[in-house]
Protein backbone atom coordinates (compact mmCIF):
# COMPACT_ATOMS: atom_id res chain seq x y z
CA MET A 1 10.10 7.05 0.54
CA ASN A 2 7.40 6.82 -2.59
CA THR A 3 3.72 8.22 -2.65
CA PHE A 4 1.14 7.08 -5.01
CA LYS A 5 -2.62 7.12 -5.25
CA LEU A 6 -4.84 3.90 -4.65
CA ARG A 7 -8.69 4.09 -6.09
CA THR A 8 -11.63 1.33 -5.69
CA ILE A 9 -13.31 0.17 -8.75
CA GLU A 10 -16.59 2.01 -7.45
CA SER A 11 -15.33 5.63 -7.75
CA ILE A 12 -12.49 7.41 -9.51
CA ASN A 13 -13.07 10.43 -7.60
CA ASP A 14 -12.26 8.79 -4.19
CA TYR A 15 -8.81 8.19 -3.46
CA VAL A 16 -6.02 7.64 -1.05
CA GLU A 17 -2.59 9.06 -1.59
CA VAL A 18 -0.27 6.23 0.19
CA THR A 19 3.50 7.16 1.05
CA PHE A 20 5.40 4.03 1.38
CA SER A 21 8.39 4.18 3.25
CA PHE A 22 10.91 1.78 5.03
CA VAL A 23 13.87 1.31 7.34
CA GLU A 24 16.41 -1.38 6.71
CA LYS A 25 17.79 -2.76 10.14
CA ASN A 26 19.34 -5.69 11.39
CA LYS A 27 18.51 -7.94 8.15
CA CYS A 28 14.87 -6.66 8.38
CA TYR A 29 12.73 -4.21 6.63
CA ASN A 30 10.55 -1.79 9.02
CA ILE A 31 7.56 -0.59 6.53
CA SER A 32 5.37 2.10 7.03
CA LEU A 33 2.56 3.42 5.23
CA THR A 34 0.56 6.79 5.72
CA TYR A 35 -2.50 8.00 4.27
CA LYS A 36 -3.96 11.28 2.90
CA TYR A 37 -7.67 11.15 1.80
CA SER A 38 -9.39 12.87 -1.07
CA SER A 39 -11.98 15.51 -0.04
CA GLU A 40 -14.79 13.24 -0.64
CA LEU A 41 -13.95 11.10 2.00
CA ASN A 42 -14.23 13.63 4.52
CA THR A 43 -15.39 11.42 7.39
CA LEU A 44 -13.68 8.61 9.64
CA GLU A 45 -16.69 6.11 8.51
CA LYS A 46 -16.29 7.06 4.99
CA LYS A 47 -12.60 6.39 5.18
CA LYS A 48 -13.16 2.99 7.05
CA ILE A 49 -15.66 2.10 4.13
CA PHE A 50 -13.14 2.87 1.40
CA MET A 51 -10.14 1.45 3.22
CA ASP A 52 -12.01 -1.84 3.91
CA LYS A 53 -12.63 -2.18 0.13
CA LEU A 54 -8.88 -1.85 -0.73
CA GLU A 55 -8.23 -4.63 2.50
CA LEU A 56 -6.32 -1.72 4.21
CA TYR A 57 -8.84 -1.64 7.13
CA ASP A 58 -9.19 -4.23 9.97
CA SER A 59 -12.63 -3.95 11.61
CA ASN A 60 -11.56 -6.23 14.44
CA TYR A 61 -8.93 -3.80 15.66
CA ASP A 62 -10.54 -0.74 14.27
CA SER A 63 -7.37 0.28 12.72
CA PHE A 64 -5.90 1.26 9.28
CA TYR A 65 -2.93 -0.68 8.02
CA GLU A 66 0.06 1.15 8.79
CA GLY A 67 3.00 -1.25 7.93
CA ASP A 68 5.12 -4.03 8.96
CA ILE A 69 8.34 -5.67 9.98
CA ILE A 70 9.47 -8.31 7.34
CA TYR A 71 12.59 -10.12 6.95
CA LYS A 72 15.28 -8.98 4.12
CA ASN A 73 15.57 -12.03 1.45
CA PRO A 74 15.62 -11.90 -2.36
CA LEU A 75 11.45 -11.99 -2.36
CA THR A 76 11.43 -9.26 0.01
CA GLU A 77 14.34 -7.07 -1.75
CA GLN A 78 12.06 -7.25 -5.05
CA LEU A 79 8.81 -6.33 -3.08
CA ILE A 80 10.55 -3.02 -1.97
CA PHE A 81 12.35 -2.46 -5.25
CA LEU A 82 8.97 -2.71 -7.20
CA MET A 83 7.10 -0.34 -4.38
CA MET A 84 9.66 2.33 -4.89
CA LEU A 85 9.23 2.61 -8.43
CA SER A 86 7.32 5.40 -10.26
CA ASP A 87 4.08 4.38 -11.71
CA SER A 88 5.40 4.74 -15.35
CA ASN A 89 8.43 2.38 -14.27
CA LEU A 90 6.50 -0.16 -12.36
CA LYS A 91 4.09 -0.56 -15.72
CA THR A 92 7.18 -2.13 -17.35
CA TYR A 93 6.84 -4.57 -14.63
CA SER A 94 3.21 -5.22 -13.86
CA GLY A 95 2.16 -6.70 -17.29
CA ASN A 96 -1.71 -5.91 -18.06
CA VAL A 97 -2.43 -4.88 -14.68
CA THR A 98 -2.41 -1.08 -13.80
CA SER A 99 0.18 0.02 -11.55
CA GLU A 100 -2.59 1.05 -8.62
CA CYS A 101 -3.87 -2.56 -8.97
CA TYR A 102 -0.35 -4.05 -8.83
CA ARG A 103 0.91 -1.74 -5.91
CA LEU A 104 -2.08 -2.92 -3.84
CA VAL A 105 -1.29 -6.90 -4.70
CA LEU A 106 2.42 -5.77 -3.33
CA ILE A 107 0.97 -4.17 -0.23
CA LYS A 108 -1.25 -7.39 0.52
CA THR A 109 2.14 -9.56 -0.14
CA ILE A 110 3.89 -7.50 2.48
CA LYS A 111 0.90 -8.01 4.83
CA LEU A 112 1.33 -11.68 4.83
CA LEU A 113 4.87 -11.64 5.45
CA TRP A 114 5.31 -9.85 8.64
CA ASP A 115 7.86 -11.16 11.13
């Protein structure tokens, strides 16, 4: 399990604390994400708008992204490895991109690989 914060460019005060966890079973990763919101995001509508900006909300299904099952292979092993790193350790892999932005790209990649 790893917990980290994500923000949008528009506001540094608004954030979501994401807890990323996974279970490995039958050559797959069952990935789960849970969220805790900053006090400024105090209504469901504000949460939806914020999460939509992060591409972690699906308005078609009126739901937040909660995870996926992805097949275990060398690529997904690296995705899991990177997601489990601390912010300071992740910076050594992310180049000039902040760890927050890099994690968001990793989550979006996981969304594409659902099995």
